[in-house]
Amino acid sequence: MFKILLDISGACDNNLNMFKGNSKHIKSEQTREEILDSALELFRQHGFDATTMRDIAVKAGVALGAAYYYFASKDAIVQAYYEKVQQEHTARLRQMKMDGLSLRQRLAAVFYSKLDILENDRKLLGAIFRYSGEPAHPLSCLGPGTRVVREQSMQVIADAVTPEALPADLQQLLTLGLWALQMGVLIYFIYDDSPQQQRTRRLVDGALEITTFLLRLARFPLLGFARKKVLALLDEAGLLPQLNHALEAQS
């Protein structure tokens, strides 16, 4: 009987320790999220450069050391912002009913939902996109520090393209081309001062119309050789490995 009581007591202790561990993890995630949200709010209000880690800690109601514990720098906060935007983009598209939609409609959903998520962050994007010209910088949109987010972004586009059952080489070209188009649209979006950035949305409409038209031409078997030549150039430029990794993750 005494042994049974000890076993029961030990099991209770283990369950209690597990509960405490989960509780600490949840609280830690909440604190991290509060710091991230506070930082983004300050970046939007005062700008990225004008905001300090001390400002962020005060806004979040934590000690400065705690802010640095979760985020080593403002760059680390922006990296978390990239990840948060991509997660939200992926989640929104999964909630949409894509069955029965045309390719153009699916791609419009991809582009428009991204613009909707970023509509209040044009000032912030303008501040951090300047690092695109510094390949080694962790926030460079083509650098190694953003590789995972870049692959996830390509995968979102690949998901929209896949129902077309295109030849593999054409799917690669279309996915990479649309991702590049999306990046160009975001740069234009930063400069667009039209109401609700309507010029950007019209640009998206026109670009997708042209894309779907050109896709009909690109399907012709006689253009298979040209597609392979383009893919070889992209591979030599080092752009295909990341795209292929995204497509492999998709499958």
Protein backbone atom coordinates (compact mmCIF):
# COMPACT_ATOMS: atom_id res chain seq x y z
CA MET A 1 0.00 0.00 0.00
CA PHE A 2 2.84 2.38 0.94
CA LYS A 3 4.50 1.74 -2.45
CA ILE A 4 1.25 2.49 -4.26
CA LEU A 5 0.92 5.77 -2.40
CA LEU A 6 4.50 6.69 -3.35
CA ASP A 7 3.79 5.88 -7.00
CA ILE A 8 0.65 8.03 -6.94
CA SER A 9 2.54 10.86 -5.26
CA GLY A 10 5.34 10.65 -7.83
CA ALA A 11 2.88 10.71 -10.71
CA CYS A 12 1.17 13.78 -9.25
CA ASP A 13 4.52 15.54 -8.86
CA ASN A 14 5.37 14.78 -12.49
CA ASN A 15 2.03 16.12 -13.70
CA LEU A 16 2.43 19.22 -11.55
CA ASN A 17 5.94 19.85 -12.88
CA MET A 18 4.68 19.40 -16.44
CA PHE A 19 1.86 21.88 -15.78
CA LYS A 20 4.32 24.39 -14.32
CA GLY A 21 6.62 23.95 -17.30
CA ASN A 22 3.79 24.55 -19.77
CA SER A 23 2.63 27.57 -17.78
CA LYS A 24 6.12 29.09 -17.88
CA HIS A 25 6.38 28.45 -21.61
CA ILE A 26 3.02 30.12 -22.27
CA LYS A 27 3.98 33.13 -20.15
CA SER A 28 7.32 33.36 -21.97
CA GLU A 29 5.57 33.34 -25.35
CA GLN A 30 3.14 36.00 -24.16
CA THR A 31 5.99 38.22 -22.97
CA ARG A 32 7.80 37.80 -26.29
CA GLU A 33 4.64 38.68 -28.19
CA GLU A 34 4.04 41.77 -26.04
CA ILE A 35 7.58 42.99 -26.71
CA LEU A 36 7.19 42.36 -30.44
CA ASP A 37 3.81 44.12 -30.62
CA SER A 38 5.12 47.07 -28.59
CA ALA A 39 8.15 47.40 -30.85
CA LEU A 40 6.06 47.35 -34.03
CA GLU A 41 3.70 49.96 -32.61
CA LEU A 42 6.65 52.25 -31.81
CA PHE A 43 8.24 51.63 -35.22
CA ARG A 44 4.97 52.66 -36.87
CA GLN A 45 4.57 55.77 -34.70
CA HIS A 46 8.12 57.07 -34.47
CA GLY A 47 10.08 55.19 -37.11
CA PHE A 48 12.57 52.35 -36.92
CA ASP A 49 15.69 54.48 -36.40
CA ALA A 50 14.19 56.74 -33.72
CA THR A 51 13.00 53.84 -31.57
CA THR A 52 15.43 52.35 -29.05
CA MET A 53 15.40 49.02 -27.25
CA ARG A 54 14.83 50.96 -24.01
CA ASP A 55 11.72 52.58 -25.55
CA ILE A 56 10.46 49.12 -26.48
CA ALA A 57 11.07 47.74 -22.99
CA VAL A 58 9.21 50.65 -21.37
CA LYS A 59 6.29 50.27 -23.79
CA ALA A 60 6.08 46.53 -23.11
CA GLY A 61 6.41 47.02 -19.35
CA VAL A 62 9.49 44.82 -19.01
CA ALA A 63 13.05 45.38 -17.90
CA LEU A 64 15.58 46.31 -20.57
CA GLY A 65 17.44 43.06 -19.89
CA ALA A 66 14.24 41.10 -20.54
CA ALA A 67 13.77 42.85 -23.89
CA TYR A 68 17.32 41.88 -24.88
CA TYR A 69 16.71 38.33 -23.61
CA TYR A 70 13.95 37.82 -26.16
CA PHE A 71 15.41 39.96 -28.94
CA ALA A 72 19.13 40.61 -29.20
CA SER A 73 18.55 43.74 -31.32
CA LYS A 74 16.01 45.71 -33.31
CA ASP A 75 17.09 43.67 -36.34
CA ALA A 76 15.98 40.52 -34.50
CA ILE A 77 12.60 42.15 -33.90
CA VAL A 78 12.24 42.91 -37.61
CA GLN A 79 13.19 39.31 -38.41
CA ALA A 80 10.36 38.19 -36.11
CA TYR A 81 8.09 40.67 -37.90
CA TYR A 82 8.96 39.08 -41.26
CA GLU A 83 8.05 35.68 -39.83
CA LYS A 84 4.82 36.98 -38.32
CA VAL A 85 3.72 38.56 -41.60
CA GLN A 86 4.45 35.35 -43.50
CA GLN A 87 2.58 33.23 -40.96
CA GLU A 88 -0.46 35.51 -41.19
CA HIS A 89 -0.30 35.50 -44.98
CA THR A 90 -0.22 31.71 -45.08
CA ALA A 91 -3.05 31.46 -42.54
CA ARG A 92 -5.31 33.88 -44.43
CA LEU A 93 -4.90 32.03 -47.69
CA ARG A 94 -5.63 28.68 -46.04
CA GLN A 95 -8.90 30.11 -44.72
CA MET A 96 -9.97 31.21 -48.19
CA LYS A 97 -11.96 28.84 -50.39
CA MET A 98 -9.73 28.50 -53.44
CA ASP A 99 -11.51 25.52 -55.02
CA GLY A 100 -13.09 26.48 -58.30
CA LEU A 101 -11.18 29.74 -58.62
CA SER A 102 -9.19 30.51 -61.76
CA LEU A 103 -5.42 30.92 -61.64
CA ARG A 104 -5.78 34.68 -61.91
CA GLN A 105 -8.26 34.74 -59.01
CA ARG A 106 -5.97 32.61 -56.83
CA LEU A 107 -2.98 34.81 -57.58
CA ALA A 108 -5.03 37.94 -56.92
CA ALA A 109 -5.88 36.49 -53.49
CA VAL A 110 -2.15 35.94 -52.83
CA PHE A 111 -1.15 39.48 -53.84
CA TYR A 112 -4.08 41.36 -52.33
CA SER A 113 -3.96 39.59 -48.96
CA LYS A 114 -0.26 40.46 -48.66
CA LEU A 115 -1.02 44.13 -49.37
CA ASP A 116 -3.85 44.05 -46.82
CA ILE A 117 -1.52 42.73 -44.11
CA LEU A 118 1.11 45.39 -44.85
CA GLU A 119 -1.18 48.36 -45.48
CA ASN A 120 -0.17 50.13 -42.24
CA ASP A 121 3.52 49.29 -42.50
CA ARG A 122 4.68 51.21 -45.56
CA LYS A 123 6.86 53.52 -43.45
CA LEU A 124 8.43 50.57 -41.64
CA LEU A 125 9.03 48.69 -44.88
CA GLY A 126 10.71 51.74 -46.36
CA ALA A 127 13.15 51.81 -43.43
CA ILE A 128 14.11 48.14 -43.57
CA PHE A 129 14.12 47.62 -47.35
CA ARG A 130 17.22 49.80 -47.53
CA TYR A 131 19.19 46.77 -46.37
CA SER A 132 18.42 44.95 -49.61
CA GLY A 133 21.64 46.36 -51.05
CA GLU A 134 23.70 44.78 -48.25
CA PRO A 135 23.84 41.03 -49.03
CA ALA A 136 25.36 40.07 -45.67
CA HIS A 137 22.84 42.04 -43.62
CA PRO A 138 20.37 39.75 -41.74
CA LEU A 139 17.42 41.79 -43.04
CA SER A 140 18.41 41.75 -46.71
CA CYS A 141 15.46 40.37 -48.72
CA LEU A 142 17.87 38.24 -50.80
CA GLY A 143 20.35 37.43 -48.04
CA PRO A 144 20.84 34.22 -46.02
CA GLY A 145 19.13 35.72 -42.97
CA THR A 146 15.75 35.80 -44.72
CA ARG A 147 16.09 32.52 -46.65
CA VAL A 148 13.45 30.61 -44.66
CA VAL A 149 10.84 33.37 -44.96
CA ARG A 150 11.68 33.71 -48.66
CA GLU A 151 11.10 29.98 -49.21
CA GLN A 152 7.79 30.16 -47.35
CA SER A 153 6.72 33.09 -49.51
CA MET A 154 7.59 31.13 -52.67
CA GLN A 155 5.68 28.14 -51.36
CA VAL A 156 2.53 30.25 -50.93
CA ILE A 157 2.76 31.20 -54.59
CA ALA A 158 3.52 27.61 -55.61
CA ASP A 159 0.36 26.49 -53.78
CA ALA A 160 -1.68 28.89 -55.92
CA VAL A 161 0.02 27.71 -59.13
CA THR A 162 -0.10 23.93 -58.50
CA PRO A 163 -3.79 23.31 -59.45
CA GLU A 164 -2.90 24.29 -63.03
CA ALA A 165 -0.97 21.00 -63.43
CA LEU A 166 1.80 22.71 -65.39
CA PRO A 167 5.00 21.03 -66.60
CA ALA A 168 7.59 21.08 -63.81
CA ASP A 169 9.89 23.54 -65.57
CA LEU A 170 7.04 25.96 -66.27
CA GLN A 171 5.83 25.73 -62.66
CA GLN A 172 9.33 26.65 -61.50
CA LEU A 173 9.54 29.61 -63.84
CA LEU A 174 6.06 30.87 -63.00
CA THR A 175 6.55 30.57 -59.24
CA LEU A 176 9.88 32.37 -59.25
CA GLY A 177 8.62 35.02 -61.67
CA LEU A 178 5.54 35.71 -59.55
CA TRP A 179 7.63 35.93 -56.39
CA ALA A 180 9.89 38.49 -58.11
CA LEU A 181 6.79 40.37 -59.26
CA GLN A 182 5.47 40.41 -55.71
CA MET A 183 8.73 41.90 -54.43
CA GLY A 184 8.59 44.59 -57.13
CA VAL A 185 4.97 45.36 -56.24
CA LEU A 186 5.92 45.79 -52.57
CA ILE A 187 8.64 48.29 -53.46
CA TYR A 188 6.15 50.26 -55.57
CA PHE A 189 3.63 49.94 -52.70
CA ILE A 190 6.02 51.82 -50.40
CA TYR A 191 6.06 54.82 -52.74
CA ASP A 192 2.37 54.74 -53.67
CA ASP A 193 0.63 57.71 -52.05
CA SER A 194 -2.71 57.18 -53.80
CA PRO A 195 -5.77 56.62 -51.55
CA GLN A 196 -5.56 53.10 -50.05
CA GLN A 197 -2.71 52.52 -52.54
CA GLN A 198 -5.19 51.93 -55.35
CA ARG A 199 -2.50 52.43 -57.99
CA THR A 200 -0.65 49.43 -56.58
CA ARG A 201 -3.76 47.30 -56.78
CA ARG A 202 -4.39 48.34 -60.37
CA LEU A 203 -0.76 47.47 -61.11
CA VAL A 204 -1.38 44.01 -59.67
CA ASP A 205 -4.51 43.58 -61.81
CA GLY A 206 -2.67 44.51 -64.98
CA ALA A 207 0.39 42.41 -64.18
CA LEU A 208 -1.69 39.31 -63.45
CA GLU A 209 -3.68 39.77 -66.65
CA ILE A 210 -0.46 39.89 -68.66
CA THR A 211 0.97 36.94 -66.72
CA THR A 212 -1.99 34.65 -67.40
CA PHE A 213 -1.94 35.62 -71.09
CA LEU A 214 1.77 34.88 -71.41
CA LEU A 215 1.30 31.61 -69.57
CA ARG A 216 -1.01 30.36 -72.32
CA LEU A 217 1.78 30.99 -74.82
CA ALA A 218 4.46 29.45 -72.61
CA ARG A 219 2.56 26.15 -72.43
CA PHE A 220 3.36 25.36 -76.08
CA PRO A 221 5.74 22.36 -76.30
CA LEU A 222 7.90 24.19 -78.85
CA LEU A 223 8.90 26.64 -76.11
CA GLY A 224 10.16 23.84 -73.88
CA PHE A 225 13.74 24.42 -75.05
CA ALA A 226 13.53 28.13 -74.21
CA ARG A 227 12.15 27.32 -70.74
CA LYS A 228 15.04 25.00 -70.03
CA LYS A 229 17.55 27.67 -71.12
CA VAL A 230 15.96 30.19 -68.76
CA LEU A 231 15.99 27.67 -65.90
CA ALA A 232 19.67 26.96 -66.54
CA LEU A 233 20.43 30.69 -66.28
CA LEU A 234 18.47 30.97 -63.04
CA ASP A 235 20.22 27.92 -61.64
CA GLU A 236 23.60 29.41 -62.47
CA ALA A 237 22.53 32.60 -60.71
CA GLY A 238 21.79 30.56 -57.56
CA LEU A 239 18.07 31.32 -57.52
CA LEU A 240 16.68 27.86 -58.14
CA PRO A 241 17.95 25.99 -55.04
CA GLN A 242 15.74 28.10 -52.76
CA LEU A 243 12.75 27.71 -55.05
CA ASN A 244 13.26 23.96 -55.33
CA HIS A 245 13.49 23.71 -51.54
CA ALA A 246 10.14 25.48 -51.26
CA LEU A 247 8.55 23.18 -53.85
CA GLU A 248 9.93 20.09 -52.09
CA ALA A 249 8.48 21.32 -48.80
CA GLN A 250 5.15 21.73 -50.55
CA SER A 251 5.11 18.12 -51.71
